[in-house]
Amino acid sequence: MNEPVKELKTRTGLVIRVRPVTPDDAPVLSDLFHHLRKEDLRFRFLSAISEVGPEWISRMANADHDHVETFLAFDQASNMAVATAMLVRSDDGQRGEVAISVHADYRNRGIGWELLSFVAEQARRRGMRRIESLESRANYDAIELERNMGFSVAPVPGDSTLALVSMDLGTA
């Protein structure tokens, strides 16, 4: 999908440019994941990994842009990658799973909120009726942000450590 760069302004005034990844972005993604807090890396992948391996980076950088879309956000002032967001469409096209990661030095600046809003709009435009995220119950910041945006939080049957956070998008 050949989408233009989207410029977003966060609540703190930070201007970010968001665009879909390309295969050439693999080193940028790798560098970004090296600048996440260990806790955020664990929350993003729901496991105790210490780094994102080349196979994961390759999958993200070579997204098919139909079933999986990965976005990169860059600080307009420095042109540094500050966040990534992934949207994975369900086989029936009705739901999208969202995952967002923000550079450790750029946390609490409104990037997560803006990216989640952006991804929700992308999902809506692609005909999805619902977006959801599987969260560690210990990821209080993400769950609170999602609640503030209108997401509902439900338990995951059989796993008390996880929560399913979801929002209806309505009909596209």
N, C-alpha and C. Protein backbone atom coordinates (compact mmCIF):
# COMPACT_ATOMS: atom_id res chain seq x y z
N MET A 1 0.85 -1.17 0.00
CA MET A 1 0.00 0.00 0.00
C MET A 1 0.89 1.23 0.00
N ASN A 2 0.71 2.11 -0.94
CA ASN A 2 1.54 3.29 -1.06
C ASN A 2 0.85 4.49 -0.42
N GLU A 3 1.03 4.64 0.87
CA GLU A 3 0.37 5.72 1.60
C GLU A 3 1.34 6.87 1.82
N PRO A 4 0.81 8.08 1.81
CA PRO A 4 1.68 9.22 2.06
C PRO A 4 2.10 9.30 3.52
N VAL A 5 3.09 10.11 3.76
CA VAL A 5 3.52 10.37 5.13
C VAL A 5 2.45 11.22 5.80
N LYS A 6 2.09 10.85 7.01
CA LYS A 6 1.09 11.59 7.78
C LYS A 6 1.80 12.33 8.90
N GLU A 7 1.53 13.61 9.02
CA GLU A 7 2.12 14.42 10.08
C GLU A 7 1.12 14.53 11.22
N LEU A 8 1.57 14.24 12.44
CA LEU A 8 0.72 14.31 13.63
C LEU A 8 1.39 15.18 14.67
N LYS A 9 0.58 15.85 15.47
CA LYS A 9 1.12 16.68 16.55
C LYS A 9 0.59 16.13 17.87
N THR A 10 1.50 15.84 18.79
CA THR A 10 1.11 15.27 20.07
C THR A 10 0.65 16.36 21.04
N ARG A 11 0.09 15.93 22.16
CA ARG A 11 -0.39 16.87 23.18
C ARG A 11 0.72 17.75 23.74
N THR A 12 1.97 17.32 23.60
CA THR A 12 3.10 18.11 24.10
C THR A 12 3.70 19.01 23.03
N GLY A 13 3.11 18.98 21.84
CA GLY A 13 3.60 19.82 20.75
C GLY A 13 4.62 19.15 19.85
N LEU A 14 5.01 17.92 20.17
CA LEU A 14 5.96 17.18 19.34
C LEU A 14 5.29 16.85 18.00
N VAL A 15 5.97 17.12 16.91
CA VAL A 15 5.46 16.78 15.59
C VAL A 15 6.16 15.51 15.13
N ILE A 16 5.35 14.51 14.77
CA ILE A 16 5.89 13.25 14.26
C ILE A 16 5.36 13.02 12.86
N ARG A 17 6.18 12.35 12.07
CA ARG A 17 5.79 11.93 10.72
C ARG A 17 5.65 10.42 10.75
N VAL A 18 4.51 9.92 10.28
CA VAL A 18 4.21 8.49 10.32
C VAL A 18 4.05 7.99 8.88
N ARG A 19 4.67 6.85 8.62
CA ARG A 19 4.55 6.23 7.30
C ARG A 19 4.69 4.73 7.43
N PRO A 20 4.20 3.98 6.43
CA PRO A 20 4.40 2.53 6.44
C PRO A 20 5.89 2.21 6.27
N VAL A 21 6.30 1.09 6.85
CA VAL A 21 7.69 0.66 6.70
C VAL A 21 7.93 0.16 5.29
N THR A 22 9.20 0.14 4.94
CA THR A 22 9.65 -0.48 3.69
C THR A 22 10.74 -1.48 4.08
N PRO A 23 11.10 -2.40 3.20
CA PRO A 23 12.18 -3.34 3.52
C PRO A 23 13.48 -2.64 3.92
N ASP A 24 13.71 -1.46 3.39
CA ASP A 24 14.93 -0.71 3.74
C ASP A 24 14.94 -0.22 5.18
N ASP A 25 13.79 -0.29 5.86
CA ASP A 25 13.69 0.19 7.24
C ASP A 25 14.13 -0.82 8.29
N ALA A 26 14.56 -2.00 7.89
CA ALA A 26 14.96 -3.02 8.87
C ALA A 26 15.99 -2.48 9.88
N PRO A 27 17.05 -1.79 9.46
CA PRO A 27 18.00 -1.27 10.45
C PRO A 27 17.38 -0.22 11.37
N VAL A 28 16.44 0.56 10.85
CA VAL A 28 15.77 1.58 11.66
C VAL A 28 14.92 0.91 12.74
N LEU A 29 14.18 -0.13 12.35
CA LEU A 29 13.37 -0.87 13.33
C LEU A 29 14.26 -1.51 14.39
N SER A 30 15.34 -2.12 13.95
CA SER A 30 16.26 -2.77 14.89
C SER A 30 16.79 -1.76 15.90
N ASP A 31 17.21 -0.60 15.42
CA ASP A 31 17.73 0.44 16.30
C ASP A 31 16.65 0.92 17.27
N LEU A 32 15.45 1.11 16.77
CA LEU A 32 14.35 1.55 17.64
C LEU A 32 14.11 0.55 18.76
N PHE A 33 14.06 -0.73 18.44
CA PHE A 33 13.82 -1.74 19.47
C PHE A 33 14.97 -1.82 20.48
N HIS A 34 16.17 -1.42 20.08
CA HIS A 34 17.28 -1.36 21.03
C HIS A 34 17.13 -0.18 21.99
N HIS A 35 16.23 0.75 21.68
CA HIS A 35 16.02 1.92 22.52
C HIS A 35 14.69 1.86 23.28
N LEU A 36 14.16 0.66 23.46
CA LEU A 36 12.99 0.48 24.31
C LEU A 36 13.45 0.08 25.70
N ARG A 37 12.68 0.45 26.70
CA ARG A 37 12.96 -0.06 28.04
C ARG A 37 12.72 -1.57 28.01
N LYS A 38 13.48 -2.31 28.80
CA LYS A 38 13.32 -3.78 28.84
C LYS A 38 11.88 -4.15 29.16
N GLU A 39 11.28 -3.40 30.06
CA GLU A 39 9.89 -3.63 30.44
C GLU A 39 8.97 -3.44 29.23
N ASP A 40 9.20 -2.41 28.42
CA ASP A 40 8.37 -2.17 27.25
C ASP A 40 8.57 -3.25 26.19
N LEU A 41 9.78 -3.76 26.06
CA LEU A 41 10.05 -4.86 25.15
C LEU A 41 9.27 -6.10 25.59
N ARG A 42 9.27 -6.36 26.89
CA ARG A 42 8.50 -7.49 27.43
C ARG A 42 7.01 -7.30 27.18
N PHE A 43 6.50 -6.10 27.41
CA PHE A 43 5.08 -5.83 27.17
C PHE A 43 4.73 -5.97 25.69
N ARG A 44 5.60 -5.52 24.81
CA ARG A 44 5.31 -5.55 23.37
C ARG A 44 5.21 -6.97 22.84
N PHE A 45 6.12 -7.85 23.32
CA PHE A 45 6.16 -9.21 22.80
C PHE A 45 5.60 -10.24 23.77
N LEU A 46 5.12 -9.77 24.93
CA LEU A 46 4.52 -10.64 25.95
C LEU A 46 5.43 -11.81 26.31
N SER A 47 6.73 -11.53 26.33
CA SER A 47 7.71 -12.52 26.75
C SER A 47 8.96 -11.80 27.23
N ALA A 48 9.82 -12.53 27.88
CA ALA A 48 11.02 -11.93 28.47
C ALA A 48 12.18 -11.95 27.49
N ILE A 49 11.98 -11.37 26.31
CA ILE A 49 13.08 -11.32 25.35
C ILE A 49 13.99 -10.14 25.68
N SER A 50 15.25 -10.29 25.35
CA SER A 50 16.20 -9.20 25.62
C SER A 50 16.46 -8.35 24.38
N GLU A 51 16.16 -8.90 23.22
CA GLU A 51 16.27 -8.12 21.99
C GLU A 51 15.38 -8.73 20.92
N VAL A 52 15.03 -7.91 19.94
CA VAL A 52 14.20 -8.36 18.83
C VAL A 52 15.14 -8.88 17.75
N GLY A 53 15.01 -10.17 17.45
CA GLY A 53 15.91 -10.81 16.51
C GLY A 53 15.66 -10.42 15.07
N PRO A 54 16.61 -10.76 14.20
CA PRO A 54 16.50 -10.38 12.79
C PRO A 54 15.27 -10.96 12.09
N GLU A 55 14.80 -12.13 12.52
CA GLU A 55 13.62 -12.71 11.88
C GLU A 55 12.37 -11.86 12.15
N TRP A 56 12.23 -11.36 13.38
CA TRP A 56 11.11 -10.47 13.71
C TRP A 56 11.23 -9.16 12.95
N ILE A 57 12.42 -8.60 12.94
CA ILE A 57 12.64 -7.33 12.24
C ILE A 57 12.30 -7.50 10.76
N SER A 58 12.74 -8.59 10.16
CA SER A 58 12.47 -8.84 8.75
C SER A 58 10.97 -8.95 8.49
N ARG A 59 10.25 -9.65 9.36
CA ARG A 59 8.80 -9.77 9.19
C ARG A 59 8.11 -8.41 9.25
N MET A 60 8.56 -7.57 10.17
CA MET A 60 7.96 -6.24 10.31
C MET A 60 8.31 -5.35 9.11
N ALA A 61 9.56 -5.40 8.67
CA ALA A 61 10.01 -4.54 7.57
C ALA A 61 9.45 -4.98 6.23
N ASN A 62 9.11 -6.25 6.12
CA ASN A 62 8.59 -6.79 4.87
C ASN A 62 7.10 -7.10 4.96
N ALA A 63 6.38 -6.27 5.68
CA ALA A 63 4.94 -6.46 5.85
C ALA A 63 4.25 -6.49 4.49
N ASP A 64 3.19 -7.28 4.40
CA ASP A 64 2.50 -7.41 3.11
C ASP A 64 1.55 -6.24 2.83
N HIS A 65 1.38 -5.34 3.78
CA HIS A 65 0.56 -4.12 3.64
C HIS A 65 -0.92 -4.41 3.44
N ASP A 66 -1.32 -5.67 3.48
CA ASP A 66 -2.74 -6.02 3.40
C ASP A 66 -3.15 -6.67 4.71
N HIS A 67 -2.52 -7.78 5.03
CA HIS A 67 -2.82 -8.48 6.28
C HIS A 67 -2.09 -7.84 7.46
N VAL A 68 -0.87 -7.39 7.22
CA VAL A 68 -0.05 -6.77 8.27
C VAL A 68 0.49 -5.44 7.76
N GLU A 69 0.32 -4.41 8.57
CA GLU A 69 0.92 -3.11 8.25
C GLU A 69 1.73 -2.66 9.45
N THR A 70 2.96 -2.29 9.21
CA THR A 70 3.82 -1.74 10.25
C THR A 70 4.10 -0.29 9.89
N PHE A 71 3.95 0.59 10.87
CA PHE A 71 4.20 2.01 10.66
C PHE A 71 5.40 2.43 11.50
N LEU A 72 6.13 3.41 11.00
CA LEU A 72 7.21 4.04 11.75
C LEU A 72 6.85 5.50 11.97
N ALA A 73 7.17 6.00 13.16
CA ALA A 73 6.97 7.42 13.48
C ALA A 73 8.33 8.04 13.72
N PHE A 74 8.54 9.19 13.11
CA PHE A 74 9.81 9.91 13.20
C PHE A 74 9.58 11.28 13.82
N ASP A 75 10.47 11.68 14.71
CA ASP A 75 10.48 13.04 15.24
C ASP A 75 10.82 13.96 14.07
N GLN A 76 9.93 14.90 13.79
CA GLN A 76 10.17 15.79 12.65
C GLN A 76 11.45 16.60 12.80
N ALA A 77 11.75 17.03 14.01
CA ALA A 77 12.92 17.88 14.24
C ALA A 77 14.24 17.14 14.03
N SER A 78 14.33 15.90 14.53
CA SER A 78 15.60 15.16 14.46
C SER A 78 15.63 14.09 13.38
N ASN A 79 14.45 13.75 12.84
CA ASN A 79 14.28 12.67 11.87
C ASN A 79 14.63 11.30 12.47
N MET A 80 14.62 11.21 13.79
CA MET A 80 14.90 9.96 14.48
C MET A 80 13.61 9.14 14.62
N ALA A 81 13.71 7.83 14.42
CA ALA A 81 12.56 6.95 14.64
C ALA A 81 12.25 6.92 16.14
N VAL A 82 11.02 7.26 16.49
CA VAL A 82 10.64 7.36 17.90
C VAL A 82 9.57 6.35 18.30
N ALA A 83 8.94 5.69 17.33
CA ALA A 83 7.90 4.72 17.68
C ALA A 83 7.57 3.87 16.46
N THR A 84 6.94 2.75 16.75
CA THR A 84 6.42 1.89 15.70
C THR A 84 5.04 1.39 16.13
N ALA A 85 4.21 1.17 15.14
CA ALA A 85 2.87 0.64 15.39
C ALA A 85 2.60 -0.44 14.36
N MET A 86 1.99 -1.52 14.81
CA MET A 86 1.66 -2.61 13.91
C MET A 86 0.16 -2.85 13.96
N LEU A 87 -0.43 -3.09 12.81
CA LEU A 87 -1.85 -3.42 12.69
C LEU A 87 -1.94 -4.73 11.92
N VAL A 88 -2.51 -5.76 12.55
CA VAL A 88 -2.65 -7.07 11.93
C VAL A 88 -4.13 -7.35 11.74
N ARG A 89 -4.54 -7.51 10.49
CA ARG A 89 -5.95 -7.74 10.14
C ARG A 89 -6.30 -9.21 10.33
N SER A 90 -7.46 -9.46 10.91
CA SER A 90 -7.93 -10.84 11.07
C SER A 90 -8.25 -11.42 9.70
N ASP A 91 -8.34 -12.75 9.62
CA ASP A 91 -8.61 -13.40 8.34
C ASP A 91 -9.93 -12.96 7.72
N ASP A 92 -10.93 -12.67 8.56
CA ASP A 92 -12.22 -12.23 8.03
C ASP A 92 -12.27 -10.72 7.77
N GLY A 93 -11.20 -10.01 8.09
CA GLY A 93 -11.11 -8.58 7.82
C GLY A 93 -11.90 -7.70 8.76
N GLN A 94 -12.52 -8.26 9.78
CA GLN A 94 -13.38 -7.49 10.68
C GLN A 94 -12.65 -6.88 11.86
N ARG A 95 -11.53 -7.50 12.26
CA ARG A 95 -10.80 -7.04 13.44
C ARG A 95 -9.35 -6.75 13.08
N GLY A 96 -8.76 -5.89 13.89
CA GLY A 96 -7.34 -5.61 13.74
C GLY A 96 -6.68 -5.64 15.10
N GLU A 97 -5.55 -6.31 15.18
CA GLU A 97 -4.78 -6.31 16.43
C GLU A 97 -3.70 -5.24 16.32
N VAL A 98 -3.57 -4.47 17.39
CA VAL A 98 -2.66 -3.33 17.42
C VAL A 98 -1.54 -3.57 18.42
N ALA A 99 -0.33 -3.16 18.06
CA ALA A 99 0.81 -3.17 18.99
C ALA A 99 1.63 -1.91 18.72
N ILE A 100 1.96 -1.20 19.78
CA ILE A 100 2.71 0.06 19.67
C ILE A 100 3.90 0.02 20.61
N SER A 101 5.03 0.53 20.13
CA SER A 101 6.24 0.65 20.95
C SER A 101 6.81 2.04 20.77
N VAL A 102 7.21 2.66 21.90
CA VAL A 102 7.73 4.02 21.88
C VAL A 102 9.15 4.04 22.46
N HIS A 103 10.05 4.71 21.76
CA HIS A 103 11.44 4.91 22.18
C HIS A 103 11.46 5.39 23.64
N ALA A 104 12.37 4.84 24.44
CA ALA A 104 12.43 5.16 25.87
C ALA A 104 12.57 6.66 26.13
N ASP A 105 13.32 7.36 25.31
CA ASP A 105 13.53 8.80 25.52
C ASP A 105 12.34 9.65 25.11
N TYR A 106 11.34 9.04 24.48
CA TYR A 106 10.18 9.79 23.98
C TYR A 106 8.87 9.39 24.67
N ARG A 107 8.97 8.62 25.73
CA ARG A 107 7.76 8.23 26.46
C ARG A 107 7.12 9.45 27.12
N ASN A 108 5.83 9.35 27.37
CA ASN A 108 5.05 10.39 28.07
C ASN A 108 5.03 11.72 27.32
N ARG A 109 5.09 11.65 26.00
CA ARG A 109 5.01 12.88 25.20
C ARG A 109 3.81 12.86 24.26
N GLY A 110 2.92 11.86 24.43
CA GLY A 110 1.71 11.80 23.63
C GLY A 110 1.81 11.01 22.34
N ILE A 111 2.95 10.36 22.13
CA ILE A 111 3.14 9.61 20.89
C ILE A 111 2.21 8.39 20.84
N GLY A 112 2.12 7.65 21.94
CA GLY A 112 1.26 6.46 21.96
C GLY A 112 -0.18 6.80 21.64
N TRP A 113 -0.68 7.88 22.22
CA TRP A 113 -2.06 8.33 21.98
C TRP A 113 -2.26 8.65 20.50
N GLU A 114 -1.37 9.43 19.93
CA GLU A 114 -1.50 9.83 18.53
C GLU A 114 -1.39 8.63 17.60
N LEU A 115 -0.45 7.73 17.89
CA LEU A 115 -0.30 6.55 17.04
C LEU A 115 -1.51 5.63 17.13
N LEU A 116 -2.05 5.46 18.32
CA LEU A 116 -3.23 4.61 18.47
C LEU A 116 -4.41 5.22 17.73
N SER A 117 -4.59 6.52 17.82
CA SER A 117 -5.65 7.19 17.06
C SER A 117 -5.44 7.01 15.56
N PHE A 118 -4.21 7.17 15.12
CA PHE A 118 -3.86 7.00 13.71
C PHE A 118 -4.16 5.57 13.24
N VAL A 119 -3.74 4.58 14.02
CA VAL A 119 -3.95 3.18 13.63
C VAL A 119 -5.44 2.84 13.64
N ALA A 120 -6.19 3.37 14.60
CA ALA A 120 -7.64 3.14 14.62
C ALA A 120 -8.28 3.67 13.34
N GLU A 121 -7.86 4.84 12.91
CA GLU A 121 -8.39 5.41 11.66
C GLU A 121 -7.98 4.57 10.46
N GLN A 122 -6.75 4.07 10.44
CA GLN A 122 -6.31 3.19 9.36
C GLN A 122 -7.17 1.93 9.33
N ALA A 123 -7.43 1.35 10.48
CA ALA A 123 -8.26 0.14 10.56
C ALA A 123 -9.67 0.44 10.04
N ARG A 124 -10.23 1.54 10.46
CA ARG A 124 -11.58 1.94 10.02
C ARG A 124 -11.60 2.10 8.49
N ARG A 125 -10.61 2.77 7.95
CA ARG A 125 -10.54 2.98 6.49
C ARG A 125 -10.41 1.67 5.72
N ARG A 126 -9.84 0.67 6.37
CA ARG A 126 -9.64 -0.63 5.72
C ARG A 126 -10.81 -1.58 5.97
N GLY A 127 -11.88 -1.07 6.57
CA GLY A 127 -13.10 -1.86 6.74
C GLY A 127 -13.18 -2.68 8.01
N MET A 128 -12.23 -2.52 8.90
CA MET A 128 -12.28 -3.26 10.16
C MET A 128 -13.32 -2.62 11.08
N ARG A 129 -13.99 -3.45 11.85
CA ARG A 129 -15.03 -2.96 12.74
C ARG A 129 -14.60 -2.89 14.19
N ARG A 130 -13.45 -3.48 14.48
CA ARG A 130 -12.98 -3.53 15.86
C ARG A 130 -11.46 -3.60 15.86
N ILE A 131 -10.86 -2.92 16.83
CA ILE A 131 -9.43 -3.11 17.04
C ILE A 131 -9.23 -3.59 18.47
N GLU A 132 -8.18 -4.36 18.64
CA GLU A 132 -7.92 -4.92 19.96
C GLU A 132 -6.43 -5.07 20.18
N SER A 133 -6.10 -5.20 21.45
CA SER A 133 -4.71 -5.38 21.83
C SER A 133 -4.67 -6.34 23.01
N LEU A 134 -3.77 -7.26 22.97
CA LEU A 134 -3.55 -8.16 24.09
C LEU A 134 -2.48 -7.53 24.97
N GLU A 135 -2.83 -7.22 26.21
CA GLU A 135 -1.92 -6.50 27.10
C GLU A 135 -1.60 -7.33 28.34
N SER A 136 -0.39 -7.19 28.80
CA SER A 136 -0.04 -7.69 30.13
C SER A 136 -0.80 -6.84 31.13
N ARG A 137 -1.41 -7.46 32.12
CA ARG A 137 -2.13 -6.68 33.14
C ARG A 137 -1.18 -5.75 33.89
N ALA A 138 0.11 -6.02 33.84
CA ALA A 138 1.11 -5.15 34.49
C ALA A 138 1.42 -3.90 33.66
N ASN A 139 0.92 -3.86 32.43
CA ASN A 139 1.18 -2.70 31.56
C ASN A 139 0.12 -1.63 31.83
N TYR A 140 0.19 -1.07 33.03
CA TYR A 140 -0.81 -0.10 33.48
C TYR A 140 -0.90 1.11 32.56
N ASP A 141 0.23 1.62 32.10
CA ASP A 141 0.23 2.82 31.26
C ASP A 141 -0.57 2.60 29.98
N ALA A 142 -0.33 1.49 29.30
CA ALA A 142 -1.03 1.21 28.05
C ALA A 142 -2.52 1.00 28.29
N ILE A 143 -2.85 0.24 29.31
CA ILE A 143 -4.27 -0.03 29.59
C ILE A 143 -4.99 1.27 29.95
N GLU A 144 -4.36 2.12 30.73
CA GLU A 144 -4.98 3.41 31.09
C GLU A 144 -5.16 4.29 29.85
N LEU A 145 -4.17 4.35 29.00
CA LEU A 145 -4.28 5.14 27.77
C LEU A 145 -5.44 4.62 26.92
N GLU A 146 -5.51 3.31 26.76
CA GLU A 146 -6.57 2.72 25.94
C GLU A 146 -7.94 2.97 26.56
N ARG A 147 -8.05 2.85 27.87
CA ARG A 147 -9.33 3.16 28.53
C ARG A 147 -9.73 4.61 28.27
N ASN A 148 -8.77 5.51 28.38
CA ASN A 148 -9.06 6.93 28.15
C ASN A 148 -9.50 7.21 26.72
N MET A 149 -9.13 6.34 25.80
CA MET A 149 -9.53 6.50 24.40
C MET A 149 -10.84 5.79 24.09
N GLY A 150 -11.45 5.15 25.08
CA GLY A 150 -12.73 4.50 24.86
C GLY A 150 -12.67 3.00 24.67
N PHE A 151 -11.53 2.40 24.90
CA PHE A 151 -11.41 0.95 24.80
C PHE A 151 -12.03 0.30 26.04
N SER A 152 -12.53 -0.90 25.86
CA SER A 152 -12.99 -1.69 27.00
C SER A 152 -11.92 -2.72 27.33
N VAL A 153 -11.90 -3.15 28.58
CA VAL A 153 -10.90 -4.10 29.05
C VAL A 153 -11.62 -5.34 29.56
N ALA A 154 -11.20 -6.50 29.07
CA ALA A 154 -11.83 -7.75 29.47
C ALA A 154 -10.74 -8.76 29.84
N PRO A 155 -11.08 -9.69 30.73
CA PRO A 155 -10.11 -10.74 31.07
C PRO A 155 -9.90 -11.68 29.88
N VAL A 156 -8.76 -12.32 29.86
CA VAL A 156 -8.47 -13.36 28.87
C VAL A 156 -8.71 -14.69 29.56
N PRO A 157 -9.72 -15.45 29.12
CA PRO A 157 -10.01 -16.73 29.77
C PRO A 157 -8.77 -17.63 29.81
N GLY A 158 -8.48 -18.14 30.98
CA GLY A 158 -7.36 -19.06 31.14
C GLY A 158 -6.02 -18.40 31.38
N ASP A 159 -5.96 -17.06 31.37
CA ASP A 159 -4.69 -16.38 31.63
C ASP A 159 -4.94 -15.09 32.40
N SER A 160 -4.78 -15.17 33.69
CA SER A 160 -5.06 -14.01 34.55
C SER A 160 -4.01 -12.92 34.43
N THR A 161 -2.93 -13.17 33.70
CA THR A 161 -1.88 -12.14 33.55
C THR A 161 -2.14 -11.22 32.36
N LEU A 162 -3.14 -11.57 31.53
CA LEU A 162 -3.41 -10.80 30.32
C LEU A 162 -4.79 -10.16 30.34
N ALA A 163 -4.92 -9.10 29.55
CA ALA A 163 -6.21 -8.43 29.35
C ALA A 163 -6.40 -8.22 27.86
N LEU A 164 -7.65 -8.36 27.40
CA LEU A 164 -7.99 -8.05 26.02
C LEU A 164 -8.61 -6.66 26.03
N VAL A 165 -7.95 -5.74 25.37
CA VAL A 165 -8.39 -4.35 25.32
C VAL A 165 -8.92 -4.13 23.91
N SER A 166 -10.18 -3.66 23.79
CA SER A 166 -10.77 -3.55 22.46
C SER A 166 -11.68 -2.33 22.33
N MET A 167 -11.87 -1.93 21.08
CA MET A 167 -12.75 -0.80 20.79
C MET A 167 -13.48 -1.07 19.48
N ASP A 168 -14.79 -0.87 19.51
CA ASP A 168 -15.58 -0.96 18.29
C ASP A 168 -15.35 0.29 17.46
N LEU A 169 -15.18 0.09 16.16
CA LEU A 169 -14.95 1.21 15.25
C LEU A 169 -16.21 1.58 14.50
N GLY A 170 -17.25 0.76 14.62
CA GLY A 170 -18.46 1.00 13.84
C GLY A 170 -18.28 0.46 12.44
N THR A 171 -19.21 0.79 11.59
CA THR A 171 -19.11 0.31 10.22
C THR A 171 -18.28 1.28 9.40
N ALA A 172 -17.53 0.73 8.51
CA ALA A 172 -16.64 1.56 7.68
C ALA A 172 -17.38 2.13 6.50
